[in-house]
PDB file of N, CA and C in Angstrom:
ATOM      1  N   MET A   1      87.973 120.500  96.383  1.00  0.00           N
ATOM      2  CA  MET A   1      87.594 119.050  96.071  1.00  0.00           C
ATOM      3  C   MET A   1      87.380 118.287  97.373  1.00  0.00           C
ATOM      4  N   LYS A   2      86.378 117.822  97.385  1.00  0.00           N
ATOM      5  CA  LYS A   2      85.931 117.054  98.712  1.00  0.00           C
ATOM      6  C   LYS A   2      86.659 115.667  98.545  1.00  0.00           C
ATOM      7  N   THR A   3      87.187 115.216  99.719  1.00  0.00           N
ATOM      8  CA  THR A   3      87.910 113.988  99.883  1.00  0.00           C
ATOM      9  C   THR A   3      86.980 112.918  99.784  1.00  0.00           C
ATOM     10  N   GLY A   4      87.036 111.945  99.072  1.00  0.00           N
ATOM     11  CA  GLY A   4      86.170 110.677  98.978  1.00  0.00           C
ATOM     12  C   GLY A   4      86.595 109.474 100.140  1.00  0.00           C
ATOM     13  N   ASN A   5      85.891 109.090 100.836  1.00  0.00           N
ATOM     14  CA  ASN A   5      86.108 108.107 101.736  1.00  0.00           C
ATOM     15  C   ASN A   5      85.394 106.724 101.408  1.00  0.00           C
ATOM     16  N   ASN A   6      85.086 106.698 100.096  1.00  0.00           N
ATOM     17  CA  ASN A   6      84.322 105.528  99.712  1.00  0.00           C
ATOM     18  C   ASN A   6      85.158 104.264  99.930  1.00  0.00           C
ATOM     19  N   TYR A   7      86.472 104.363  99.762  1.00  0.00           N
ATOM     20  CA  TYR A   7      87.273 102.996 100.083  1.00  0.00           C
ATOM     21  C   TYR A   7      87.180 102.459 101.394  1.00  0.00           C
ATOM     22  N   LYS A   8      86.758 103.397 102.507  1.00  0.00           N
ATOM     23  CA  LYS A   8      86.608 102.723 103.804  1.00  0.00           C
ATOM     24  C   LYS A   8      85.563 101.728 104.097  1.00  0.00           C
ATOM     25  N   SER A   9      84.616 101.802 103.150  1.00  0.00           N
ATOM     26  CA  SER A   9      83.546 100.822 103.199  1.00  0.00           C
ATOM     27  C   SER A   9      83.808  99.422 102.520  1.00  0.00           C
ATOM     28  N   LEU A  10      84.958  99.469 101.833  1.00  0.00           N
ATOM     29  CA  LEU A  10      85.368  98.180 100.997  1.00  0.00           C
ATOM     30  C   LEU A  10      85.735  97.138 101.866  1.00  0.00           C
ATOM     31  N   ALA A  11      85.313  95.907 101.609  1.00  0.00           N
ATOM     32  CA  ALA A  11      85.677  94.778 102.536  1.00  0.00           C
ATOM     33  C   ALA A  11      87.233  94.534 102.398  1.00  0.00           C
ATOM     34  N   ALA A  12      87.854  94.745 101.144  1.00  0.00           N
ATOM     35  CA  ALA A  12      89.241  94.529 101.068  1.00  0.00           C
ATOM     36  C   ALA A  12      89.978  95.515 102.022  1.00  0.00           C
ATOM     37  N   TYR A  13      89.589  96.735 102.036  1.00  0.00           N
ATOM     38  CA  TYR A  13      90.195  97.714 102.945  1.00  0.00           C
ATOM     39  C   TYR A  13      89.982  97.357 104.484  1.00  0.00           C
ATOM     40  N   GLN A  14      88.847  96.952 104.837  1.00  0.00           N
ATOM     41  CA  GLN A  14      88.355  96.526 106.207  1.00  0.00           C
ATOM     42  C   GLN A  14      89.345  95.263 106.553  1.00  0.00           C
ATOM     43  N   GLU A  15      89.372  94.394 105.630  1.00  0.00           N
ATOM     44  CA  GLU A  15      90.086  93.065 106.247  1.00  0.00           C
ATOM     45  C   GLU A  15      91.663  93.350 106.132  1.00  0.00           C
ATOM     46  N   SER A  16      92.176  94.181 105.281  1.00  0.00           N
ATOM     47  CA  SER A  16      93.557  94.544 105.318  1.00  0.00           C
ATOM     48  C   SER A  16      93.982  95.346 106.584  1.00  0.00           C
ATOM     49  N   LYS A  17      93.011  96.008 107.187  1.00  0.00           N
ATOM     50  CA  LYS A  17      93.302  96.784 108.341  1.00  0.00           C
ATOM     51  C   LYS A  17      93.463  95.640 109.526  1.00  0.00           C
ATOM     52  N   THR A  18      92.627  94.771 109.357  1.00  0.00           N
ATOM     53  CA  THR A  18      92.436  93.523 110.453  1.00  0.00           C
ATOM     54  C   THR A  18      93.861  92.929 110.411  1.00  0.00           C
ATOM     55  N   LEU A  19      94.515  92.628 109.001  1.00  0.00           N
ATOM     56  CA  LEU A  19      95.843  91.984 108.800  1.00  0.00           C
ATOM     57  C   LEU A  19      96.867  92.839 109.423  1.00  0.00           C
ATOM     58  N   VAL A  20      96.874  94.164 109.188  1.00  0.00           N
ATOM     59  CA  VAL A  20      97.741  94.918 109.769  1.00  0.00           C
ATOM     60  C   VAL A  20      97.840  94.821 111.418  1.00  0.00           C
ATOM     61  N   LYS A  21      96.704  94.776 112.029  1.00  0.00           N
ATOM     62  CA  LYS A  21      96.799  94.489 113.456  1.00  0.00           C
ATOM     63  C   LYS A  21      97.265  93.203 113.760  1.00  0.00           C
ATOM     64  N   LEU A  22      96.834  92.257 113.036  1.00  0.00           N
ATOM     65  CA  LEU A  22      97.437  90.805 113.363  1.00  0.00           C
ATOM     66  C   LEU A  22      98.909  90.844 113.129  1.00  0.00           C
ATOM     67  N   ILE A  23      99.307  91.358 112.217  1.00  0.00           N
ATOM     68  CA  ILE A  23     100.756  91.468 111.952  1.00  0.00           C
ATOM     69  C   ILE A  23     101.607  92.176 113.110  1.00  0.00           C
ATOM     70  N   TYR A  24     101.087  93.237 113.455  1.00  0.00           N
ATOM     71  CA  TYR A  24     101.763  94.027 114.587  1.00  0.00           C
ATOM     72  C   TYR A  24     101.507  93.195 115.739  1.00  0.00           C
ATOM     73  N   GLN A  25     100.611  92.450 116.077  1.00  0.00           N
ATOM     74  CA  GLN A  25     100.424  91.599 117.137  1.00  0.00           C
ATOM     75  C   GLN A  25     101.536  90.631 117.380  1.00  0.00           C
ATOM     76  N   HIS A  26     101.759  89.957 116.081  1.00  0.00           N
ATOM     77  CA  HIS A  26     102.719  88.873 116.090  1.00  0.00           C
ATOM     78  C   HIS A  26     104.196  89.502 116.176  1.00  0.00           C
ATOM     79  N   ILE A  27     104.417  90.598 115.565  1.00  0.00           N
ATOM     80  CA  ILE A  27     105.756  91.146 115.526  1.00  0.00           C
ATOM     81  C   ILE A  27     106.354  91.343 116.862  1.00  0.00           C
ATOM     82  N   ARG A  28     105.389  91.854 117.783  1.00  0.00           N
ATOM     83  CA  ARG A  28     105.730  92.214 119.182  1.00  0.00           C
ATOM     84  C   ARG A  28     106.490  90.953 119.681  1.00  0.00           C
ATOM     85  N   LYS A  29     106.214  89.626 119.384  1.00  0.00           N
ATOM     86  CA  LYS A  29     106.900  88.612 119.890  1.00  0.00           C
ATOM     87  C   LYS A  29     108.315  88.199 119.118  1.00  0.00           C
ATOM     88  N   PHE A  30     108.641  88.968 118.183  1.00  0.00           N
ATOM     89  CA  PHE A  30     109.928  88.651 117.567  1.00  0.00           C
ATOM     90  C   PHE A  30     111.042  89.040 118.451  1.00  0.00           C
ATOM     91  N   PRO A  31     112.040  88.342 118.275  1.00  0.00           N
ATOM     92  CA  PRO A  31     113.480  88.813 119.084  1.00  0.00           C
ATOM     93  C   PRO A  31     113.781  90.303 118.583  1.00  0.00           C
ATOM     94  N   PRO A  32     114.343  90.976 119.628  1.00  0.00           N
ATOM     95  CA  PRO A  32     114.638  92.391 119.316  1.00  0.00           C
ATOM     96  C   PRO A  32     115.527  92.723 118.141  1.00  0.00           C
ATOM     97  N   GLU A  33     116.421  91.813 117.752  1.00  0.00           N
ATOM     98  CA  GLU A  33     117.201  91.959 116.638  1.00  0.00           C
ATOM     99  C   GLU A  33     116.497  91.963 115.255  1.00  0.00           C
ATOM    100  N   GLU A  34     115.241  91.510 115.343  1.00  0.00           N
ATOM    101  CA  GLU A  34     114.448  91.533 114.019  1.00  0.00           C
ATOM    102  C   GLU A  34     113.580  92.755 114.056  1.00  0.00           C
ATOM    103  N   ASN A  35     113.605  93.775 114.968  1.00  0.00           N
ATOM    104  CA  ASN A  35     112.822  94.946 115.042  1.00  0.00           C
ATOM    105  C   ASN A  35     113.041  95.683 113.760  1.00  0.00           C
ATOM    106  N   PHE A  36     114.195  95.784 113.352  1.00  0.00           N
ATOM    107  CA  PHE A  36     114.768  96.548 112.235  1.00  0.00           C
ATOM    108  C   PHE A  36     114.967  95.953 110.865  1.00  0.00           C
ATOM    109  N   ALA A  37     114.734  94.485 110.925  1.00  0.00           N
ATOM    110  CA  ALA A  37     115.012  93.547 109.807  1.00  0.00           C
ATOM    111  C   ALA A  37     113.656  93.094 109.442  1.00  0.00           C
ATOM    112  N   LEU A  38     113.279  91.796 109.611  1.00  0.00           N
ATOM    113  CA  LEU A  38     112.067  91.279 109.180  1.00  0.00           C
ATOM    114  C   LEU A  38     110.842  91.874 109.914  1.00  0.00           C
ATOM    115  N   GLY A  39     110.844  92.321 110.999  1.00  0.00           N
ATOM    116  CA  GLY A  39     109.726  93.052 111.557  1.00  0.00           C
ATOM    117  C   GLY A  39     109.353  94.235 110.890  1.00  0.00           C
ATOM    118  N   SER A  40     110.420  95.050 110.472  1.00  0.00           N
ATOM    119  CA  SER A  40     110.242  96.289 109.764  1.00  0.00           C
ATOM    120  C   SER A  40     109.668  95.862 108.376  1.00  0.00           C
ATOM    121  N   GLN A  41     110.152  94.853 107.686  1.00  0.00           N
ATOM    122  CA  GLN A  41     109.686  94.560 106.447  1.00  0.00           C
ATOM    123  C   GLN A  41     108.046  94.065 106.494  1.00  0.00           C
ATOM    124  N   LEU A  42     107.763  93.351 107.400  1.00  0.00           N
ATOM    125  CA  LEU A  42     106.574  93.042 107.625  1.00  0.00           C
ATOM    126  C   LEU A  42     105.480  94.071 107.904  1.00  0.00           C
ATOM    127  N   ARG A  43     105.959  95.115 108.795  1.00  0.00           N
ATOM    128  CA  ARG A  43     105.181  96.227 109.042  1.00  0.00           C
ATOM    129  C   ARG A  43     104.865  97.116 107.894  1.00  0.00           C
ATOM    130  N   ARG A  44     105.975  97.345 107.054  1.00  0.00           N
ATOM    131  CA  ARG A  44     105.836  98.177 105.837  1.00  0.00           C
ATOM    132  C   ARG A  44     104.974  97.527 104.779  1.00  0.00           C
ATOM    133  N   ALA A  45     105.092  96.202 104.670  1.00  0.00           N
ATOM    134  CA  ALA A  45     104.225  95.473 103.725  1.00  0.00           C
ATOM    135  C   ALA A  45     102.703  95.475 104.074  1.00  0.00           C
ATOM    136  N   ALA A  46     102.518  95.303 105.304  1.00  0.00           N
ATOM    137  CA  ALA A  46     101.122  95.269 105.984  1.00  0.00           C
ATOM    138  C   ALA A  46     100.524  96.557 105.831  1.00  0.00           C
ATOM    139  N   ILE A  47     101.175  97.655 106.081  1.00  0.00           N
ATOM    140  CA  ILE A  47     100.526  98.994 105.984  1.00  0.00           C
ATOM    141  C   ILE A  47     100.465  99.422 104.528  1.00  0.00           C
ATOM    142  N   SER A  48     101.249  98.750 103.633  1.00  0.00           N
ATOM    143  CA  SER A  48     101.100  99.211 102.127  1.00  0.00           C
ATOM    144  C   SER A  48      99.602  98.652 101.686  1.00  0.00           C
ATOM    145  N   ILE A  49      99.172  97.665 102.109  1.00  0.00           N
ATOM    146  CA  ILE A  49      97.998  97.152 101.559  1.00  0.00           C
ATOM    147  C   ILE A  49      96.743  98.051 101.690  1.00  0.00           C
ATOM    148  N   PRO A  50      96.339  98.369 103.026  1.00  0.00           N
ATOM    149  CA  PRO A  50      95.265  99.430 103.016  1.00  0.00           C
ATOM    150  C   PRO A  50      95.539 100.853 102.437  1.00  0.00           C
ATOM    151  N   SER A  51      96.913 101.218 102.451  1.00  0.00           N
ATOM    152  CA  SER A  51      97.302 102.421 102.025  1.00  0.00           C
ATOM    153  C   SER A  51      97.168 102.463 100.412  1.00  0.00           C
ATOM    154  N   ASN A  52      97.436 101.512  99.786  1.00  0.00           N
ATOM    155  CA  ASN A  52      97.351 101.331  98.190  1.00  0.00           C
ATOM    156  C   ASN A  52      95.925 101.197  97.849  1.00  0.00           C
ATOM    157  N   ILE A  53      95.047 100.633  98.602  1.00  0.00           N
ATOM    158  CA  ILE A  53      93.632 100.426  98.419  1.00  0.00           C
ATOM    159  C   ILE A  53      93.134 101.870  98.291  1.00  0.00           C
ATOM    160  N   ALA A  54      93.392 102.535  99.518  1.00  0.00           N
ATOM    161  CA  ALA A  54      92.879 103.939  99.457  1.00  0.00           C
ATOM    162  C   ALA A  54      93.376 104.882  98.445  1.00  0.00           C
ATOM    163  N   GLU A  55      94.703 104.762  98.009  1.00  0.00           N
ATOM    164  CA  GLU A  55      95.138 105.621  97.073  1.00  0.00           C
ATOM    165  C   GLU A  55      94.623 105.264  95.692  1.00  0.00           C
ATOM    166  N   GLY A  56      94.471 103.895  95.460  1.00  0.00           N
ATOM    167  CA  GLY A  56      93.893 103.489  94.128  1.00  0.00           C
ATOM    168  C   GLY A  56      92.510 103.920  93.948  1.00  0.00           C
ATOM    169  N   MET A  57      91.705 103.881  95.012  1.00  0.00           N
ATOM    170  CA  MET A  57      90.320 104.307  95.142  1.00  0.00           C
ATOM    171  C   MET A  57      90.018 105.735  94.831  1.00  0.00           C
ATOM    172  N   GLY A  58      91.205 106.533  95.298  1.00  0.00           N
ATOM    173  CA  GLY A  58      91.199 107.994  94.970  1.00  0.00           C
ATOM    174  C   GLY A  58      91.456 108.398  93.683  1.00  0.00           C
ATOM    175  N   ARG A  59      91.840 107.491  92.812  1.00  0.00           N
ATOM    176  CA  ARG A  59      92.180 107.772  91.316  1.00  0.00           C
ATOM    177  C   ARG A  59      90.933 107.796  90.462  1.00  0.00           C
ATOM    178  N   TYR A  60      91.034 108.534  89.389  1.00  0.00           N
ATOM    179  CA  TYR A  60      89.875 108.708  88.601  1.00  0.00           C
ATOM    180  C   TYR A  60      89.741 107.570  87.580  1.00  0.00           C
ATOM    181  N   SER A  61      90.979 107.175  86.982  1.00  0.00           N
ATOM    182  CA  SER A  61      91.115 106.306  85.916  1.00  0.00           C
ATOM    183  C   SER A  61      91.051 104.820  86.547  1.00  0.00           C
ATOM    184  N   VAL A  62      90.354 103.914  85.770  1.00  0.00           N
ATOM    185  CA  VAL A  62      90.263 102.508  86.166  1.00  0.00           C
ATOM    186  C   VAL A  62      91.627 101.838  86.230  1.00  0.00           C
ATOM    187  N   LYS A  63      92.444 102.334  85.057  1.00  0.00           N
ATOM    188  CA  LYS A  63      93.702 101.739  85.020  1.00  0.00           C
ATOM    189  C   LYS A  63      94.700 102.007  86.244  1.00  0.00           C
ATOM    190  N   ASP A  64      94.527 103.254  86.834  1.00  0.00           N
ATOM    191  CA  ASP A  64      95.221 103.690  87.985  1.00  0.00           C
ATOM    192  C   ASP A  64      94.637 102.895  89.151  1.00  0.00           C
ATOM    193  N   GLN A  65      93.299 102.826  89.264  1.00  0.00           N
ATOM    194  CA  GLN A  65      92.886 102.001  90.365  1.00  0.00           C
ATOM    195  C   GLN A  65      93.434 100.556  90.350  1.00  0.00           C
ATOM    196  N   CYS A  66      93.274 100.094  89.340  1.00  0.00           N
ATOM    197  CA  CYS A  66      93.824  98.518  89.021  1.00  0.00           C
ATOM    198  C   CYS A  66      95.403  98.663  89.431  1.00  0.00           C
ATOM    199  N   HIS A  67      96.058  99.533  89.022  1.00  0.00           N
ATOM    200  CA  HIS A  67      97.597  99.506  89.319  1.00  0.00           C
ATOM    201  C   HIS A  67      97.799  99.513  90.765  1.00  0.00           C
ATOM    202  N   PHE A  68      97.039 100.276  91.546  1.00  0.00           N
ATOM    203  CA  PHE A  68      97.348 100.356  93.103  1.00  0.00           C
ATOM    204  C   PHE A  68      96.746  98.990  93.716  1.00  0.00           C
ATOM    205  N   LEU A  69      95.765  98.535  93.177  1.00  0.00           N
ATOM    206  CA  LEU A  69      95.202  97.214  93.551  1.00  0.00           C
ATOM    207  C   LEU A  69      96.190  96.120  93.531  1.00  0.00           C
ATOM    208  N   GLU A  70      96.869  96.341  92.335  1.00  0.00           N
ATOM    209  CA  GLU A  70      97.914  95.207  92.083  1.00  0.00           C
ATOM    210  C   GLU A  70      99.122  95.438  92.977  1.00  0.00           C
ATOM    211  N   ILE A  71      99.343  96.594  93.309  1.00  0.00           N
ATOM    212  CA  ILE A  71     100.496  96.964  94.172  1.00  0.00           C
ATOM    213  C   ILE A  71     100.172  96.434  95.624  1.00  0.00           C
ATOM    214  N   ALA A  72      98.930  96.566  96.047  1.00  0.00           N
ATOM    215  CA  ALA A  72      98.422  95.961  97.272  1.00  0.00           C
ATOM    216  C   ALA A  72      98.476  94.437  97.154  1.00  0.00           C
ATOM    217  N   PHE A  73      98.187  93.840  96.157  1.00  0.00           N
ATOM    218  CA  PHE A  73      98.334  92.396  96.065  1.00  0.00           C
ATOM    219  C   PHE A  73      99.605  91.866  96.253  1.00  0.00           C
ATOM    220  N   GLY A  74     100.725  92.704  95.589  1.00  0.00           N
ATOM    221  CA  GLY A  74     102.173  92.365  95.653  1.00  0.00           C
ATOM    222  C   GLY A  74     102.564  92.420  97.319  1.00  0.00           C
ATOM    223  N   SER A  75     102.105  93.391  97.891  1.00  0.00           N
ATOM    224  CA  SER A  75     102.394  93.616  99.302  1.00  0.00           C
ATOM    225  C   SER A  75     101.865  92.253 100.069  1.00  0.00           C
ATOM    226  N   LEU A  76     100.614  91.919  99.647  1.00  0.00           N
ATOM    227  CA  LEU A  76     100.126  90.713 100.217  1.00  0.00           C
ATOM    228  C   LEU A  76     100.916  89.566 100.105  1.00  0.00           C
ATOM    229  N   LEU A  77     101.534  89.337  98.883  1.00  0.00           N
ATOM    230  CA  LEU A  77     102.405  88.184  98.716  1.00  0.00           C
ATOM    231  C   LEU A  77     103.757  88.268  99.416  1.00  0.00           C
ATOM    232  N   GLU A  78     104.192  89.587  99.538  1.00  0.00           N
ATOM    233  CA  GLU A  78     105.485  89.987 100.306  1.00  0.00           C
ATOM    234  C   GLU A  78     105.169  89.364 101.732  1.00  0.00           C
ATOM    235  N   ILE A  79     104.045  89.680 102.293  1.00  0.00           N
ATOM    236  CA  ILE A  79     103.699  89.227 103.679  1.00  0.00           C
ATOM    237  C   ILE A  79     103.648  87.660 103.744  1.00  0.00           C
ATOM    238  N   SER A  80     103.111  87.016 102.838  1.00  0.00           N
ATOM    239  CA  SER A  80     103.122  85.599 102.763  1.00  0.00           C
ATOM    240  C   SER A  80     104.430  85.012 102.860  1.00  0.00           C
ATOM    241  N   ALA A  81     105.448  85.537 102.011  1.00  0.00           N
ATOM    242  CA  ALA A  81     106.723  84.975 102.099  1.00  0.00           C
ATOM    243  C   ALA A  81     107.342  85.299 103.405  1.00  0.00           C
ATOM    244  N   GLN A  82     107.180  86.419 103.971  1.00  0.00           N
ATOM    245  CA  GLN A  82     107.908  86.807 105.309  1.00  0.00           C
ATOM    246  C   GLN A  82     107.168  86.044 106.312  1.00  0.00           C
ATOM    247  N   ILE A  83     105.893  85.805 106.393  1.00  0.00           N
ATOM    248  CA  ILE A  83     105.495  84.841 107.418  1.00  0.00           C
ATOM    249  C   ILE A  83     105.875  83.488 107.265  1.00  0.00           C
ATOM    250  N   ASP A  84     106.118  82.969 106.034  1.00  0.00           N
ATOM    251  CA  ASP A  84     106.874  81.686 105.957  1.00  0.00           C
ATOM    252  C   ASP A  84     108.071  81.554 106.535  1.00  0.00           C
ATOM    253  N   ILE A  85     108.829  82.719 106.212  1.00  0.00           N
ATOM    254  CA  ILE A  85     110.304  82.730 106.722  1.00  0.00           C
ATOM    255  C   ILE A  85     110.105  82.869 108.323  1.00  0.00           C
ATOM    256  N   SER A  86     109.319  83.677 108.631  1.00  0.00           N
ATOM    257  CA  SER A  86     109.147  83.877 110.340  1.00  0.00           C
ATOM    258  C   SER A  86     108.866  82.721 111.059  1.00  0.00           C
ATOM    259  N   HIS A  87     107.934  81.862 110.265  1.00  0.00           N
ATOM    260  CA  HIS A  87     107.712  80.430 110.864  1.00  0.00           C
ATOM    261  C   HIS A  87     108.870  79.566 110.833  1.00  0.00           C
ATOM    262  N   GLU A  88     109.638  79.558 109.776  1.00  0.00           N
ATOM    263  CA  GLU A  88     110.844  78.748 109.742  1.00  0.00           C
ATOM    264  C   GLU A  88     111.888  79.077 110.640  1.00  0.00           C
ATOM    265  N   LEU A  89     112.013  80.345 110.989  1.00  0.00           N
ATOM    266  CA  LEU A  89     112.956  80.920 112.037  1.00  0.00           C
ATOM    267  C   LEU A  89     112.312  80.661 113.356  1.00  0.00           C
ATOM    268  N   GLY A  90     111.240  80.116 113.507  1.00  0.00           N
ATOM    269  CA  GLY A  90     110.606  79.877 114.949  1.00  0.00           C
ATOM    270  C   GLY A  90     109.979  81.106 115.589  1.00  0.00           C
ATOM    271  N   TYR A  91     109.856  82.280 114.814  1.00  0.00           N
ATOM    272  CA  TYR A  91     109.269  83.448 115.402  1.00  0.00           C
ATOM    273  C   TYR A  91     107.744  83.429 115.756  1.00  0.00           C
ATOM    274  N   ILE A  92     107.124  82.619 114.865  1.00  0.00           N
ATOM    275  CA  ILE A  92     105.587  82.339 114.874  1.00  0.00           C
ATOM    276  C   ILE A  92     105.245  80.968 114.812  1.00  0.00           C
ATOM    277  N   THR A  93     104.249  80.519 115.503  1.00  0.00           N
ATOM    278  CA  THR A  93     103.728  79.064 115.489  1.00  0.00           C
ATOM    279  C   THR A  93     103.022  78.583 114.162  1.00  0.00           C
ATOM    280  N   GLN A  94     102.960  77.411 113.980  1.00  0.00           N
ATOM    281  CA  GLN A  94     102.160  76.892 113.010  1.00  0.00           C
ATOM    282  C   GLN A  94     100.578  77.532 112.943  1.00  0.00           C
ATOM    283  N   GLN A  95     100.048  77.571 114.078  1.00  0.00           N
ATOM    284  CA  GLN A  95      98.716  78.026 114.357  1.00  0.00           C
ATOM    285  C   GLN A  95      98.873  79.431 113.760  1.00  0.00           C
ATOM    286  N   ASN A  96      99.707  80.463 114.285  1.00  0.00           N
ATOM    287  CA  ASN A  96      99.777  81.711 113.949  1.00  0.00           C
ATOM    288  C   ASN A  96      99.957  81.930 112.462  1.00  0.00           C
ATOM    289  N   LYS A  97     100.886  81.020 111.856  1.00  0.00           N
ATOM    290  CA  LYS A  97     101.107  81.298 110.487  1.00  0.00           C
ATOM    291  C   LYS A  97      99.655  80.880 109.565  1.00  0.00           C
ATOM    292  N   GLU A  98      99.127  79.901 110.086  1.00  0.00           N
ATOM    293  CA  GLU A  98      97.820  79.422 109.356  1.00  0.00           C
ATOM    294  C   GLU A  98      96.777  80.537 109.601  1.00  0.00           C
ATOM    295  N   GLU A  99      96.645  81.193 110.719  1.00  0.00           N
ATOM    296  CA  GLU A  99      95.783  82.302 110.913  1.00  0.00           C
ATOM    297  C   GLU A  99      95.981  83.460 109.834  1.00  0.00           C
ATOM    298  N   ILE A 100      97.263  83.740 109.744  1.00  0.00           N
ATOM    299  CA  ILE A 100      97.554  84.901 108.955  1.00  0.00           C
ATOM    300  C   ILE A 100      97.405  84.399 107.459  1.00  0.00           C
ATOM    301  N   GLU A 101      97.758  83.308 107.050  1.00  0.00           N
ATOM    302  CA  GLU A 101      97.601  82.907 105.709  1.00  0.00           C
ATOM    303  C   GLU A 101      96.120  82.812 105.338  1.00  0.00           C
ATOM    304  N   SER A 102      95.300  82.497 106.316  1.00  0.00           N
ATOM    305  CA  SER A 102      93.909  82.322 105.938  1.00  0.00           C
ATOM    306  C   SER A 102      93.298  83.876 105.806  1.00  0.00           C
ATOM    307  N   LYS A 103      93.899  84.815 106.443  1.00  0.00           N
ATOM    308  CA  LYS A 103      93.496  86.282 106.231  1.00  0.00           C
ATOM    309  C   LYS A 103      94.005  86.661 104.760  1.00  0.00           C
ATOM    310  N   ILE A 104      95.383  86.398 104.613  1.00  0.00           N
ATOM    311  CA  ILE A 104      95.840  86.556 103.279  1.00  0.00           C
ATOM    312  C   ILE A 104      95.018  86.090 102.042  1.00  0.00           C
ATOM    313  N   ASP A 105      94.588  84.836 102.175  1.00  0.00           N
ATOM    314  CA  ASP A 105      93.805  84.375 101.183  1.00  0.00           C
ATOM    315  C   ASP A 105      92.520  84.982 100.999  1.00  0.00           C
ATOM    316  N   SER A 106      91.867  85.410 102.072  1.00  0.00           N
ATOM    317  CA  SER A 106      90.652  86.078 102.144  1.00  0.00           C
ATOM    318  C   SER A 106      90.760  87.560 101.351  1.00  0.00           C
ATOM    319  N   ILE A 107      91.918  88.153 101.775  1.00  0.00           N
ATOM    320  CA  ILE A 107      92.102  89.589 101.270  1.00  0.00           C
ATOM    321  C   ILE A 107      92.427  89.354  99.736  1.00  0.00           C
ATOM    322  N   ALA A 108      93.174  88.381  99.321  1.00  0.00           N
ATOM    323  CA  ALA A 108      93.504  88.136  97.871  1.00  0.00           C
ATOM    324  C   ALA A 108      92.480  87.889  97.049  1.00  0.00           C
ATOM    325  N   ALA A 109      91.378  87.367  97.465  1.00  0.00           N
ATOM    326  CA  ALA A 109      90.093  87.042  96.870  1.00  0.00           C
ATOM    327  C   ALA A 109      89.405  88.382  96.760  1.00  0.00           C
ATOM    328  N   LEU A 110      89.388  89.240  97.754  1.00  0.00           N
ATOM    329  CA  LEU A 110      88.678  90.458  97.835  1.00  0.00           C
ATOM    330  C   LEU A 110      89.314  91.382  96.829  1.00  0.00           C
ATOM    331  N   LEU A 111      90.636  91.478  96.842  1.00  0.00           N
ATOM    332  CA  LEU A 111      91.433  92.409  95.870  1.00  0.00           C
ATOM    333  C   LEU A 111      91.175  91.924  94.540  1.00  0.00           C
ATOM    334  N   SER A 112      91.158  90.507  94.226  1.00  0.00           N
ATOM    335  CA  SER A 112      90.929  90.248  92.825  1.00  0.00           C
ATOM    336  C   SER A 112      89.574  90.439  92.392  1.00  0.00           C
ATOM    337  N   GLY A 113      88.636  90.297  93.163  1.00  0.00           N
ATOM    338  CA  GLY A 113      87.239  90.682  92.873  1.00  0.00           C
ATOM    339  C   GLY A 113      87.057  92.081  92.570  1.00  0.00           C
ATOM    340  N   LEU A 114      87.697  92.881  93.479  1.00  0.00           N
ATOM    341  CA  LEU A 114      87.483  94.403  93.284  1.00  0.00           C
ATOM    342  C   LEU A 114      88.324  94.828  91.936  1.00  0.00           C
ATOM    343  N   ARG A 115      89.334  94.264  91.734  1.00  0.00           N
ATOM    344  CA  ARG A 115      90.063  94.668  90.514  1.00  0.00           C
ATOM    345  C   ARG A 115      89.227  94.283  89.350  1.00  0.00           C
ATOM    346  N   ASN A 116      88.713  92.916  89.250  1.00  0.00           N
ATOM    347  CA  ASN A 116      87.804  92.404  88.162  1.00  0.00           C
ATOM    348  C   ASN A 116      86.652  93.230  88.156  1.00  0.00           C
ATOM    349  N   LYS A 117      86.044  93.589  89.062  1.00  0.00           N
ATOM    350  CA  LYS A 117      84.773  94.633  89.207  1.00  0.00           C
ATOM    351  C   LYS A 117      85.047  95.889  88.403  1.00  0.00           C
ATOM    352  N   ARG A 118      86.253  96.433  88.642  1.00  0.00           N
ATOM    353  CA  ARG A 118      86.655  97.808  87.935  1.00  0.00           C
ATOM    354  C   ARG A 118      86.895  97.363  86.547  1.00  0.00           C
ATOM    355  N   LEU A 119      87.568  96.306  86.260  1.00  0.00           N
ATOM    356  CA  LEU A 119      87.845  96.143  84.759  1.00  0.00           C
ATOM    357  C   LEU A 119      86.567  95.796  83.931  1.00  0.00           C
ATOM    358  N   ASP A 120      85.577  95.085  84.476  1.00  0.00           N
ATOM    359  CA  ASP A 120      84.321  94.887  83.933  1.00  0.00           C
ATOM    360  C   ASP A 120      83.579  96.068  83.602  1.00  0.00           C
ATOM    361  N   ALA A 121      83.775  97.017  84.674  1.00  0.00           N
ATOM    362  CA  ALA A 121      82.976  98.419  84.411  1.00  0.00           C
ATOM    363  C   ALA A 121      83.687  99.066  83.252  1.00  0.00           C
ATOM    364  N   LEU A 122      84.906  99.017  83.242  1.00  0.00           N
ATOM    365  CA  LEU A 122      85.700  99.780  82.208  1.00  0.00           C
ATOM    366  C   LEU A 122      85.279  99.151  80.845  1.00  0.00           C
ATOM    367  N   ASN A 123      85.230  97.794  80.756  1.00  0.00           N
ATOM    368  CA  ASN A 123      84.851  97.045  79.587  1.00  0.00           C
ATOM    369  C   ASN A 123      83.429  97.345  79.113  1.00  0.00           C
ATOM    370  N   ALA A 124      82.475  97.502  80.089  1.00  0.00           N
ATOM    371  CA  ALA A 124      81.168  97.800  79.827  1.00  0.00           C
ATOM    372  C   ALA A 124      81.018  99.327  79.117  1.00  0.00           C
ATOM    373  N   THR A 125      81.824 100.128  79.619  1.00  0.00           N
ATOM    374  CA  THR A 125      81.698 101.362  79.031  1.00  0.00           C
ATOM    375  C   THR A 125      82.414 101.554  77.601  1.00  0.00           C
ATOM    376  N   ASN A 126      83.266 100.682  77.187  1.00  0.00           N
ATOM    377  CA  ASN A 126      83.943 100.730  76.021  1.00  0.00           C
ATOM    378  C   ASN A 126      83.204 100.015  74.944  1.00  0.00           C
ATOM    379  N   HIS A 127      82.165  99.341  75.281  1.00  0.00           N
ATOM    380  CA  HIS A 127      81.318  98.598  74.282  1.00  0.00           C
ATOM    381  C   HIS A 127      80.099  99.256  73.816  1.00  0.00           C
TER     382      HIS A 127
END
């Protein structure tokens, strides 16, 4: 079976990789004691997004694809909460927070659009 790489061209996947790099860039500035706490949580949530997009697009059923897109969306919201906390703790600036939140909003729209497109395709085949 040939491995499909069609997910790599998806805007949601590309933008989520950009978010991963952005998160990693800001985590480097966190205090050392946060390396295994908030920093680790942010890293895992960030990596989860492109990983779940890829895994979902590797599934044959639309239901499975949507499930993994929903997991990616959940990780995106997790990052939003953690960035809010990071800002309140003084680990990132307001400008950094806004930059990340803007990227989160963009990815959220892309994930929602991708999920809706999959569901529309499913509904069209069922009629």
